[in-house]
N, C-alpha and C. Protein backbone atom coordinates (compact mmCIF):
# COMPACT_ATOMS: atom_id res chain seq x y z
N MET A 1 0.40 -1.27 0.20
CA MET A 1 0.44 0.23 -0.09
C MET A 1 1.39 1.11 -0.52
N ALA A 2 0.73 2.57 -0.95
CA ALA A 2 1.18 3.81 -0.84
C ALA A 2 0.96 4.31 0.46
N ASP A 3 2.12 5.89 0.78
CA ASP A 3 1.74 6.40 1.61
C ASP A 3 0.36 7.02 1.71
N CYS A 4 0.14 7.13 3.19
CA CYS A 4 -0.94 7.59 3.06
C CYS A 4 -1.50 8.90 2.64
N PRO A 5 -2.91 9.09 2.61
CA PRO A 5 -3.12 9.68 1.59
C PRO A 5 -3.04 10.99 2.07
N LYS A 6 -3.21 12.32 1.16
CA LYS A 6 -3.44 13.97 2.17
C LYS A 6 -4.61 13.79 2.67
N TYR A 7 -4.63 14.69 3.74
CA TYR A 7 -6.06 15.52 3.79
C TYR A 7 -6.30 16.32 2.69
N THR A 8 -7.89 16.70 2.82
CA THR A 8 -7.66 17.83 1.91
C THR A 8 -8.25 18.38 2.71
N LEU A 9 -8.53 19.87 2.31
CA LEU A 9 -8.38 21.12 3.18
C LEU A 9 -9.29 22.14 1.86
N LEU A 10 -10.24 22.10 2.52
CA LEU A 10 -10.88 23.47 1.57
C LEU A 10 -11.16 25.15 3.00
N VAL A 11 -10.44 25.87 1.60
CA VAL A 11 -10.34 26.99 2.27
C VAL A 11 -11.43 28.02 1.93
N ARG A 12 -12.13 28.18 2.99
CA ARG A 12 -13.27 29.23 2.49
C ARG A 12 -13.09 30.71 2.18
N ASN A 13 -13.79 30.98 1.19
CA ASN A 13 -13.67 32.51 1.57
C ASN A 13 -11.96 33.15 1.31
N ILE A 14 -11.42 32.52 0.10
CA ILE A 14 -10.50 32.67 -0.04
C ILE A 14 -9.80 34.55 -0.23
N GLU A 15 -10.79 34.80 -0.95
CA GLU A 15 -11.33 36.51 -1.28
C GLU A 15 -11.07 36.87 0.15
N ASN A 16 -10.74 36.50 0.98
CA ASN A 16 -10.30 37.89 2.54
C ASN A 16 -8.76 37.67 2.62
N LEU A 17 -8.35 36.87 2.06
CA LEU A 17 -6.20 36.79 2.20
C LEU A 17 -5.61 37.45 1.15
N ALA A 18 -5.13 38.30 1.36
CA ALA A 18 -4.59 39.62 1.11
C ALA A 18 -3.66 38.67 -0.41
N SER A 19 -3.30 37.20 0.19
CA SER A 19 -1.67 36.82 -0.87
C SER A 19 -2.39 35.16 -0.22
N GLU A 20 -1.68 34.23 -1.33
CA GLU A 20 -2.23 32.77 -1.30
C GLU A 20 -0.82 32.76 -0.90
N ASP A 21 0.05 33.43 -0.85
CA ASP A 21 1.44 32.35 -0.38
C ASP A 21 1.52 32.12 1.38
N LEU A 22 0.66 32.39 2.13
CA LEU A 22 0.21 31.96 3.20
C LEU A 22 -0.25 30.73 3.41
N LEU A 23 -1.18 29.95 2.20
CA LEU A 23 -1.39 28.73 2.50
C LEU A 23 -0.48 27.82 1.27
N GLU A 24 0.34 28.15 0.78
CA GLU A 24 1.73 27.42 -0.13
C GLU A 24 2.17 26.63 0.54
N ASN A 25 3.30 26.68 1.75
CA ASN A 25 3.13 25.85 2.65
C ASN A 25 2.17 24.74 3.59
N LEU A 26 0.94 24.47 3.10
CA LEU A 26 0.02 23.61 3.78
C LEU A 26 0.51 22.85 2.34
N LYS A 27 0.47 23.00 1.19
CA LYS A 27 0.39 22.32 0.31
C LYS A 27 1.11 20.95 0.33
N GLY A 28 2.55 20.87 1.40
CA GLY A 28 2.70 19.77 1.34
C GLY A 28 2.18 18.62 2.32
N MET A 29 1.17 18.82 2.76
CA MET A 29 0.64 18.37 3.83
C MET A 29 -0.70 18.36 3.71
N TYR A 30 -1.19 19.07 2.70
CA TYR A 30 -2.72 18.52 2.63
C TYR A 30 -2.76 19.10 0.76
N ASP A 31 -3.49 18.50 0.45
CA ASP A 31 -4.79 18.45 -0.73
C ASP A 31 -5.17 20.00 -0.49
N VAL A 32 -4.92 21.51 -1.38
CA VAL A 32 -5.60 22.48 -0.70
C VAL A 32 -7.11 22.66 -1.82
N ILE A 33 -7.98 22.88 -1.48
CA ILE A 33 -8.81 22.95 -2.40
C ILE A 33 -9.90 24.57 -2.30
N TYR A 34 -10.64 25.09 -2.82
CA TYR A 34 -11.44 26.43 -2.65
C TYR A 34 -12.99 25.96 -3.28
N ASN A 35 -13.04 25.55 -3.42
CA ASN A 35 -14.72 25.40 -3.49
C ASN A 35 -14.89 23.26 -3.50
N GLY A 36 -16.26 23.04 -3.12
CA GLY A 36 -16.51 21.31 -2.60
C GLY A 36 -16.81 21.53 -1.55
N ASP A 37 -17.81 20.77 -1.01
CA ASP A 37 -18.42 20.52 0.06
C ASP A 37 -17.85 19.04 0.53
N LEU A 38 -18.55 18.56 0.20
CA LEU A 38 -18.04 16.59 0.59
C LEU A 38 -16.44 16.60 0.02
N ILE A 39 -16.16 17.02 -0.66
CA ILE A 39 -14.76 16.23 -1.34
C ILE A 39 -13.35 16.84 -0.41
N ALA A 40 -13.72 17.13 1.04
CA ALA A 40 -13.18 17.82 1.69
C ALA A 40 -13.31 17.52 3.18
N ASP A 41 -12.10 16.93 3.72
CA ASP A 41 -11.89 16.88 5.37
C ASP A 41 -12.52 17.90 5.84
N ILE A 42 -11.60 18.66 5.90
CA ILE A 42 -11.34 19.55 6.80
C ILE A 42 -11.72 21.22 6.14
N VAL A 43 -12.13 22.00 7.24
CA VAL A 43 -12.41 23.25 6.41
C VAL A 43 -11.59 24.36 6.67
N LEU A 44 -11.10 25.50 6.19
CA LEU A 44 -10.76 26.29 7.11
C LEU A 44 -11.34 27.57 7.21
N ASP A 45 -11.99 28.61 6.56
CA ASP A 45 -12.63 29.14 6.76
C ASP A 45 -11.67 30.65 7.56
N LEU A 46 -11.66 31.10 6.67
CA LEU A 46 -10.59 33.03 6.76
C LEU A 46 -11.83 33.97 6.90
N ASN A 47 -13.46 33.68 6.98
CA ASN A 47 -14.12 34.78 7.74
C ASN A 47 -13.61 34.74 8.89
N ASP A 48 -14.02 33.88 9.46
CA ASP A 48 -13.44 33.45 11.19
C ASP A 48 -12.46 33.04 11.56
N LEU A 49 -11.94 32.49 10.92
CA LEU A 49 -10.32 32.04 10.49
C LEU A 49 -10.50 31.05 11.53
N LYS A 50 -11.96 29.95 10.97
CA LYS A 50 -11.58 28.43 11.96
C LYS A 50 -11.48 27.38 11.51
N LEU A 51 -11.04 26.54 12.05
CA LEU A 51 -10.74 25.24 11.28
C LEU A 51 -11.58 24.02 11.89
N TYR A 52 -11.94 23.84 11.00
CA TYR A 52 -13.25 22.28 11.66
C TYR A 52 -12.99 21.29 10.53
N HIS A 53 -13.69 19.73 11.33
CA HIS A 53 -14.08 18.45 10.08
C HIS A 53 -14.93 19.26 9.67
N ASN A 54 -15.07 18.82 8.44
CA ASN A 54 -16.50 19.26 7.39
C ASN A 54 -16.97 17.84 7.42
N TYR A 55 -17.35 17.02 7.77
CA TYR A 55 -18.08 15.97 8.08
C TYR A 55 -18.94 16.22 9.31
N ASN A 56 -18.47 17.29 10.64
CA ASN A 56 -19.71 16.85 11.40
C ASN A 56 -20.25 18.39 11.68
N GLU A 57 -18.56 19.39 11.37
CA GLU A 57 -18.38 20.76 11.98
C GLU A 57 -18.08 20.99 13.44
N GLU A 58 -17.00 20.04 14.07
CA GLU A 58 -16.59 20.29 15.27
C GLU A 58 -15.16 20.92 14.84
N LEU A 59 -15.05 21.88 15.59
CA LEU A 59 -13.97 22.92 15.93
C LEU A 59 -12.46 21.70 16.24
N ILE A 60 -12.41 22.48 15.39
CA ILE A 60 -10.28 21.64 15.68
C ILE A 60 -9.83 22.92 16.28
N CYS A 61 -9.38 24.42 15.96
CA CYS A 61 -8.62 25.42 16.48
C CYS A 61 -9.58 26.87 15.87
N GLU A 62 -9.47 27.84 16.34
CA GLU A 62 -9.44 29.00 16.19
C GLU A 62 -8.35 29.51 15.80
N LEU A 63 -7.57 30.42 14.68
CA LEU A 63 -6.64 31.30 14.39
C LEU A 63 -7.20 32.89 15.02
N ASN A 64 -5.72 32.96 15.13
CA ASN A 64 -6.20 34.96 15.66
C ASN A 64 -5.56 35.78 14.87
N ASP A 65 -5.04 35.39 13.89
CA ASP A 65 -5.34 35.68 12.30
C ASP A 65 -4.29 35.25 11.98
N TYR A 66 -4.20 35.87 10.05
CA TYR A 66 -3.57 35.14 9.62
C TYR A 66 -2.22 34.49 9.30
N SER A 67 -1.49 35.02 9.55
CA SER A 67 -0.11 34.84 10.05
C SER A 67 -0.14 33.55 10.51
N GLU A 68 -0.86 33.00 11.42
CA GLU A 68 -1.21 31.83 12.49
C GLU A 68 -2.04 30.84 11.19
N ILE A 69 -2.05 30.60 9.98
CA ILE A 69 -1.60 29.65 9.64
C ILE A 69 -1.19 28.53 9.03
N GLY A 70 0.23 29.12 9.73
CA GLY A 70 0.94 27.64 9.60
C GLY A 70 0.89 26.52 10.82
N LYS A 71 0.21 26.82 12.29
CA LYS A 71 -0.34 26.46 12.77
C LYS A 71 -0.77 25.05 12.22
N LEU A 72 -1.65 25.44 11.16
CA LEU A 72 -2.03 23.99 10.71
C LEU A 72 -0.84 22.97 10.58
N LEU A 73 0.09 22.70 10.55
CA LEU A 73 0.84 22.14 10.26
C LEU A 73 1.37 21.26 11.58
N SER A 74 1.20 22.29 12.89
CA SER A 74 1.89 21.45 14.15
C SER A 74 1.05 20.15 14.18
N GLN A 75 1.99 19.18 14.99
CA GLN A 75 1.57 18.05 15.34
C GLN A 75 0.40 17.64 15.66
N GLU A 76 -0.17 19.08 16.89
CA GLU A 76 -1.22 18.66 18.06
C GLU A 76 -1.99 19.01 16.62
N ILE A 77 -2.41 19.93 15.96
CA ILE A 77 -3.43 20.12 14.70
C ILE A 77 -3.66 18.59 13.92
N ILE A 78 -2.38 18.34 13.83
CA ILE A 78 -2.72 17.19 12.65
C ILE A 78 -3.57 15.79 13.17
N SER A 79 -2.97 15.72 15.02
CA SER A 79 -3.36 14.51 15.85
C SER A 79 -4.96 14.54 15.94
N LYS A 80 -5.46 15.96 15.96
CA LYS A 80 -7.03 16.01 16.02
C LYS A 80 -7.40 15.36 14.69
N ILE A 81 -6.83 15.89 13.23
CA ILE A 81 -7.65 15.86 12.09
C ILE A 81 -7.58 14.15 12.51
N LYS A 82 -5.68 13.67 12.31
CA LYS A 82 -6.04 12.27 12.55
C LYS A 82 -6.89 11.27 13.16
N ASN A 83 -7.30 11.71 14.36
CA ASN A 83 -8.01 11.65 15.59
C ASN A 83 -9.32 11.21 15.14
N ALA A 84 -9.78 11.87 14.08
CA ALA A 84 -11.41 12.26 13.84
C ALA A 84 -11.57 10.54 12.87
N ASP A 85 -10.42 10.07 12.09
CA ASP A 85 -10.61 9.39 10.96
C ASP A 85 -10.35 7.37 11.75
N PHE A 86 -9.95 7.56 12.48
CA PHE A 86 -9.69 6.31 13.58
C PHE A 86 -9.30 6.29 14.62
N ASP A 87 -11.39 5.97 14.97
CA ASP A 87 -11.43 5.95 16.52
C ASP A 87 -11.53 4.70 17.03
N GLU A 88 -10.22 4.13 17.44
CA GLU A 88 -10.17 3.18 17.69
C GLU A 88 -11.27 2.47 19.40
N GLU A 89 -10.75 3.48 20.21
CA GLU A 89 -11.54 3.52 21.30
C GLU A 89 -12.95 3.54 21.12
N PHE A 90 -13.92 4.30 19.96
CA PHE A 90 -15.22 3.95 19.77
C PHE A 90 -15.62 2.72 19.59
N GLY A 91 -14.81 2.20 18.64
CA GLY A 91 -14.95 0.67 17.84
C GLY A 91 -14.78 -0.39 19.01
N ILE A 92 -14.02 -0.34 19.69
CA ILE A 92 -13.52 -1.65 21.05
C ILE A 92 -15.37 -1.33 21.57
N GLN A 93 -15.53 0.42 21.89
CA GLN A 93 -16.96 0.46 22.34
C GLN A 93 -18.37 -0.37 21.83
N MET A 94 -17.93 -0.16 20.45
CA MET A 94 -19.07 -0.28 20.21
C MET A 94 -19.10 -1.53 19.84
N LEU A 95 -18.04 -2.36 19.75
CA LEU A 95 -18.59 -3.92 19.53
C LEU A 95 -18.04 -4.39 21.57
N GLY A 96 -18.52 -3.76 22.43
CA GLY A 96 -18.97 -4.28 23.82
C GLY A 96 -17.29 -4.29 24.37
N GLY A 97 -16.70 -3.66 24.49
CA GLY A 97 -15.63 -3.06 24.84
C GLY A 97 -14.32 -4.58 24.45
N SER A 98 -14.73 -5.24 23.61
CA SER A 98 -13.89 -6.96 23.08
C SER A 98 -13.02 -5.71 22.23
N LYS A 99 -11.58 -5.84 22.83
CA LYS A 99 -10.12 -5.69 21.75
C LYS A 99 -9.66 -7.05 21.00
N ASP A 100 -10.11 -8.18 21.75
CA ASP A 100 -10.40 -9.37 20.33
C ASP A 100 -11.33 -8.99 19.53
N VAL A 101 -12.57 -9.01 19.64
CA VAL A 101 -13.50 -8.53 18.46
C VAL A 101 -13.53 -7.83 17.58
N PHE A 102 -12.65 -6.65 17.60
CA PHE A 102 -12.16 -5.27 17.47
C PHE A 102 -10.86 -5.64 16.35
N ASN A 103 -9.79 -6.17 16.85
CA ASN A 103 -8.77 -6.86 15.92
C ASN A 103 -9.17 -7.44 15.00
N ASN A 104 -9.73 -8.81 14.79
CA ASN A 104 -9.96 -9.68 14.33
C ASN A 104 -11.70 -8.98 12.94
N LEU A 105 -11.97 -7.90 13.69
CA LEU A 105 -12.69 -7.13 12.33
C LEU A 105 -12.05 -6.49 11.95
N CYS A 106 -11.02 -5.93 12.38
CA CYS A 106 -9.71 -4.80 11.15
C CYS A 106 -9.56 -5.98 10.54
N ILE A 107 -9.29 -6.96 10.80
CA ILE A 107 -8.11 -7.95 10.36
C ILE A 107 -8.67 -8.38 8.95
N ASN A 108 -10.66 -8.66 9.36
CA ASN A 108 -11.12 -9.58 8.17
C ASN A 108 -11.25 -8.00 7.35
N TYR A 109 -11.64 -7.22 8.22
CA TYR A 109 -12.31 -5.48 7.27
C TYR A 109 -10.95 -5.16 6.00
N TYR A 110 -9.36 -5.46 6.37
CA TYR A 110 -8.71 -4.96 5.85
C TYR A 110 -8.44 -6.06 4.69
N LYS A 111 -8.69 -7.24 4.78
CA LYS A 111 -8.86 -8.79 3.30
C LYS A 111 -9.75 -8.39 2.90
N GLU A 112 -10.58 -7.91 3.02
CA GLU A 112 -12.26 -7.72 2.53
C GLU A 112 -12.35 -6.81 1.56
N TYR A 113 -11.57 -5.75 1.83
CA TYR A 113 -11.74 -4.33 1.18
C TYR A 113 -10.55 -3.70 0.58
N LYS A 114 -9.76 -4.40 0.66
CA LYS A 114 -8.16 -3.31 0.96
C LYS A 114 -8.27 -3.16 -0.85
N ASP A 115 -8.49 -3.66 -1.93
CA ASP A 115 -8.43 -3.36 -2.99
C ASP A 115 -9.66 -2.74 -3.76
N SER A 116 -10.65 -2.28 -2.32
CA SER A 116 -11.86 -1.66 -3.10
C SER A 116 -12.23 -0.24 -4.26
N SER A 117 -10.86 0.26 -3.71
CA SER A 117 -10.85 1.28 -4.09
C SER A 117 -11.06 1.12 -6.07
N ASN A 118 -10.19 -0.16 -6.37
CA ASN A 118 -10.34 -0.59 -8.01
C ASN A 118 -11.48 -0.16 -8.59
N ILE A 119 -12.29 -1.13 -7.52
CA ILE A 119 -13.68 -1.49 -7.76
C ILE A 119 -14.56 -0.62 -7.84
N ILE A 120 -14.45 0.43 -6.75
CA ILE A 120 -15.51 1.51 -6.82
C ILE A 120 -15.57 2.01 -8.28
N THR A 121 -14.01 2.35 -8.12
CA THR A 121 -13.75 3.12 -9.77
C THR A 121 -14.07 2.43 -10.65
N THR A 122 -13.57 1.77 -10.87
CA THR A 122 -14.69 0.70 -12.23
C THR A 122 -15.78 0.77 -12.18
N LEU A 123 -16.38 0.64 -11.28
CA LEU A 123 -18.01 0.39 -11.30
C LEU A 123 -18.90 2.05 -11.36
N MET A 124 -18.21 2.84 -11.25
CA MET A 124 -18.74 3.99 -11.45
C MET A 124 -17.89 4.46 -12.67
N GLU A 125 -16.51 4.28 -13.41
CA GLU A 125 -17.04 4.57 -14.97
C GLU A 125 -17.83 3.70 -15.48
N ALA A 126 -18.52 2.61 -15.40
CA ALA A 126 -18.83 1.56 -16.28
C ALA A 126 -20.26 2.23 -15.84
N SER A 127 -21.09 3.15 -15.02
CA SER A 127 -21.88 3.70 -14.88
C SER A 127 -22.74 1.77 -14.34
N GLU A 128 -22.12 1.59 -13.61
CA GLU A 128 -22.80 -0.18 -12.95
C GLU A 128 -23.04 0.72 -11.28
N ASN A 129 -24.35 1.26 -11.14
CA ASN A 129 -24.35 2.30 -9.94
C ASN A 129 -25.09 1.41 -9.42
N ASP A 130 -25.74 0.49 -9.37
CA ASP A 130 -26.33 -0.97 -8.66
C ASP A 130 -25.13 -1.58 -7.92
N LYS A 131 -24.39 -1.97 -8.46
CA LYS A 131 -22.97 -2.64 -8.42
C LYS A 131 -22.46 -2.31 -7.27
N LEU A 132 -22.69 -0.18 -7.72
CA LEU A 132 -21.33 0.42 -6.73
C LEU A 132 -22.37 0.62 -5.73
N HIS A 133 -23.38 0.47 -5.26
CA HIS A 133 -24.03 0.88 -4.41
C HIS A 133 -24.07 -0.13 -3.02
N LYS A 134 -24.34 -1.54 -3.74
CA LYS A 134 -23.97 -2.74 -3.34
C LYS A 134 -22.81 -2.61 -2.68
N VAL A 135 -21.29 -2.48 -3.20
CA VAL A 135 -20.31 -2.29 -2.19
C VAL A 135 -19.67 -1.01 -1.29
N LEU A 136 -20.91 0.23 -1.37
CA LEU A 136 -20.37 1.04 -1.04
C LEU A 136 -21.50 0.67 0.82
N HIS A 137 -22.34 -0.36 0.56
CA HIS A 137 -23.65 -0.68 0.96
C HIS A 137 -23.36 -1.57 2.28
N LYS A 138 -22.12 -2.41 1.75
CA LYS A 138 -21.06 -3.40 3.02
C LYS A 138 -20.43 -2.70 3.33
N ILE A 139 -19.96 -1.37 2.93
CA ILE A 139 -18.78 -1.03 3.33
C ILE A 139 -19.49 -0.29 4.76
N LYS A 140 -20.51 0.15 4.67
CA LYS A 140 -21.05 1.05 5.71
C LYS A 140 -21.70 0.41 6.75
N GLY A 141 -22.03 -1.02 6.50
CA GLY A 141 -22.08 -1.86 7.13
C GLY A 141 -20.99 -1.88 8.32
N VAL A 142 -19.88 -1.77 8.08
CA VAL A 142 -18.88 -2.00 8.98
C VAL A 142 -18.22 -0.55 9.34
N SER A 143 -18.93 0.09 8.37
CA SER A 143 -17.77 1.51 8.36
C SER A 143 -17.56 2.00 10.19
N PHE A 144 -18.92 2.27 10.76
CA PHE A 144 -19.22 2.48 11.98
C PHE A 144 -18.13 1.13 13.05
N TYR A 145 -17.54 0.65 12.91
CA TYR A 145 -16.90 -0.19 14.43
C TYR A 145 -15.26 -0.20 13.41
N VAL A 146 -14.98 -0.18 12.32
CA VAL A 146 -13.16 0.08 12.67
C VAL A 146 -12.84 1.58 11.72
N GLY A 147 -13.90 2.42 11.41
CA GLY A 147 -13.30 4.14 11.11
C GLY A 147 -13.92 5.09 12.09
N GLY A 148 -15.51 4.52 12.63
CA GLY A 148 -15.82 6.26 13.15
C GLY A 148 -17.35 6.62 12.52
N GLU A 149 -17.37 7.61 13.68
CA GLU A 149 -18.78 8.44 13.00
C GLU A 149 -18.29 9.16 11.73
N LYS A 150 -17.26 9.69 11.72
CA LYS A 150 -16.66 10.29 10.36
C LYS A 150 -16.67 9.42 9.25
N PHE A 151 -15.99 7.84 9.09
CA PHE A 151 -16.59 6.66 7.82
C PHE A 151 -17.52 6.58 7.84
N TYR A 152 -18.79 6.40 8.79
CA TYR A 152 -19.48 5.80 8.45
C TYR A 152 -20.63 7.22 7.97
N LYS A 153 -20.65 8.70 8.23
CA LYS A 153 -21.35 9.46 7.85
C LYS A 153 -20.41 9.55 6.26
N LEU A 154 -19.75 9.52 6.21
CA LEU A 154 -19.29 9.73 4.70
C LEU A 154 -19.71 8.51 3.73
N THR A 155 -19.76 7.63 4.09
CA THR A 155 -20.05 6.44 3.46
C THR A 155 -21.57 6.52 3.30
N CYS A 156 -22.20 7.06 4.05
CA CYS A 156 -23.72 7.02 3.79
C CYS A 156 -24.06 8.46 2.80
N GLN A 157 -23.26 9.60 3.05
CA GLN A 157 -23.83 9.99 2.23
C GLN A 157 -23.19 10.10 0.82
N VAL A 158 -22.00 9.21 0.31
CA VAL A 158 -21.36 8.72 -1.09
C VAL A 158 -22.76 7.62 -1.42
N GLU A 159 -23.54 7.11 -0.06
CA GLU A 159 -23.97 6.04 -0.84
C GLU A 159 -25.11 6.43 -1.28
N THR A 160 -25.71 7.77 -0.57
CA THR A 160 -26.97 8.33 -1.31
C THR A 160 -26.52 9.07 -2.37
N LYS A 161 -25.12 9.52 -2.44
CA LYS A 161 -25.71 10.05 -3.74
C LYS A 161 -25.69 9.08 -4.94
N VAL A 162 -25.01 7.87 -4.74
CA VAL A 162 -24.84 6.72 -5.98
C VAL A 162 -26.26 6.67 -6.06
N LEU A 163 -27.44 6.08 -4.88
CA LEU A 163 -28.81 5.63 -4.90
C LEU A 163 -29.39 7.02 -5.83
N CYS A 164 -29.07 7.72 -5.64
CA CYS A 164 -30.30 9.29 -6.07
C CYS A 164 -29.59 9.43 -6.93
N GLY A 165 -28.06 9.09 -7.91
CA GLY A 165 -27.77 9.09 -9.44
C GLY A 165 -26.78 10.92 -8.78
N GLU A 166 -26.65 10.88 -8.44
CA GLU A 166 -25.96 12.03 -7.82
C GLU A 166 -24.57 11.68 -8.13
N ALA A 167 -23.91 10.83 -7.61
CA ALA A 167 -22.63 10.84 -7.43
C ALA A 167 -21.24 11.51 -8.50
N THR A 168 -20.29 12.17 -7.97
CA THR A 168 -20.14 12.76 -9.56
C THR A 168 -18.16 11.31 -8.80
N ILE A 169 -17.28 11.98 -9.64
CA ILE A 169 -15.73 11.34 -9.90
C ILE A 169 -15.13 11.86 -8.43
N ASN A 170 -15.33 13.40 -8.46
CA ASN A 170 -14.78 13.53 -7.29
C ASN A 170 -15.54 12.90 -6.21
N ASP A 171 -16.51 13.01 -6.09
CA ASP A 171 -17.14 12.59 -4.67
C ASP A 171 -16.46 11.03 -4.23
N LEU A 172 -16.23 10.44 -5.80
CA LEU A 172 -15.97 8.74 -5.42
C LEU A 172 -14.06 8.59 -4.49
N LYS A 173 -14.17 9.61 -5.81
CA LYS A 173 -12.39 9.83 -5.30
C LYS A 173 -12.56 10.35 -4.37
N TYR A 174 -12.52 11.02 -3.32
CA TYR A 174 -12.41 11.66 -2.20
C TYR A 174 -12.78 10.31 -1.51
N PHE A 175 -13.94 10.01 -1.69
CA PHE A 175 -13.78 8.17 -0.64
C PHE A 175 -12.87 7.82 -0.99
N ASN A 176 -12.63 6.93 -2.17
CA ASN A 176 -11.36 6.10 -2.49
C ASN A 176 -10.28 7.02 -1.45
N LYS A 177 -9.83 8.38 -1.42
CA LYS A 177 -8.54 8.74 -0.95
C LYS A 177 -8.52 8.35 0.47
N TYR A 178 -10.14 8.97 1.01
CA TYR A 178 -10.52 8.32 2.25
C TYR A 178 -10.49 7.36 3.20
N HIS A 179 -11.23 6.26 2.32
CA HIS A 179 -10.82 5.48 2.46
C HIS A 179 -9.64 4.46 2.53
N GLU A 180 -8.94 5.18 1.35
CA GLU A 180 -6.97 4.06 1.61
C GLU A 180 -6.45 4.41 3.19
N ARG A 181 -6.97 6.30 3.71
CA ARG A 181 -6.31 6.21 4.78
C ARG A 181 -6.93 5.64 5.89
N ILE A 182 -7.94 4.69 6.14
CA ILE A 182 -8.88 3.42 6.76
C ILE A 182 -7.84 2.72 6.70
N LEU A 183 -7.36 2.06 5.73
CA LEU A 183 -6.76 0.60 4.76
C LEU A 183 -5.52 0.98 5.86
N ASN A 184 -4.86 2.17 5.38
CA ASN A 184 -3.09 2.10 5.83
C ASN A 184 -3.55 1.94 7.18
N PHE A 185 -4.12 2.72 8.41
CA PHE A 185 -4.48 2.12 9.79
C PHE A 185 -4.51 0.94 9.86
N LEU A 186 -5.49 1.03 9.46
CA LEU A 186 -5.78 -0.80 9.31
C LEU A 186 -4.94 -1.15 9.28
N LEU A 187 -4.33 -1.11 8.30
CA LEU A 187 -2.42 -2.34 8.15
C LEU A 187 -1.70 -1.62 9.25
N GLU A 188 -1.65 -0.90 9.68
CA GLU A 188 -0.98 -0.81 10.84
C GLU A 188 -1.00 -1.78 11.78
N LYS A 189 -2.38 -1.76 12.11
CA LYS A 189 -2.90 -2.41 13.51
C LYS A 189 -3.17 -4.14 13.33
N VAL A 190 -3.20 -4.14 12.40
CA VAL A 190 -2.96 -5.72 12.40
C VAL A 190 -1.76 -6.21 11.78
N LYS A 191 -0.64 -5.29 11.73
CA LYS A 191 0.78 -6.07 12.04
C LYS A 191 1.19 -6.06 12.80
N ASN A 192 0.41 -5.21 14.03
CA ASN A 192 0.77 -5.10 15.37
C ASN A 192 -0.43 -5.91 15.82
N VAL A 193 -1.35 -6.54 15.51
CA VAL A 193 -1.93 -7.34 16.36
C VAL A 193 -1.51 -9.00 16.53
């Protein structure tokens, strides 16, 4: 498996920033975009200088001014972002507190879905929405336990878009990118079991 994919940072109200140079340093750690909602992990709103998780709008941090944008590269902020991706304690709690059941679920999930990105992309390109929906529905069924609330909500959103015929290639690319991060976390988990 390749390196863990970058987090996607949506910057809102970019017109408030005198120079985009302040955002250049972030591009090594994040994929920076300026429009789109579903396809972002985190959002930096330049109106109120708040960084928050896109899936639930939970505040990560507030900046005092634009000069503090570099804080988004700090280990503290990165840890807060990563913790929303993979909530091991939540998964164990949802499985009745059994670490063994959680570990087995992680191993089985990784084995079952390690190649799902290619399958999802192929089904999307072939407009096989029924089959795509079935794959996403199976992932959704386990997502709460292996990833937590964010993974579950994202899977629900993408599945709904597929069912309604509204899913875009960007939605599925983002889902695959996010899912690759989950698989990377699970791979590390599997190695340590």
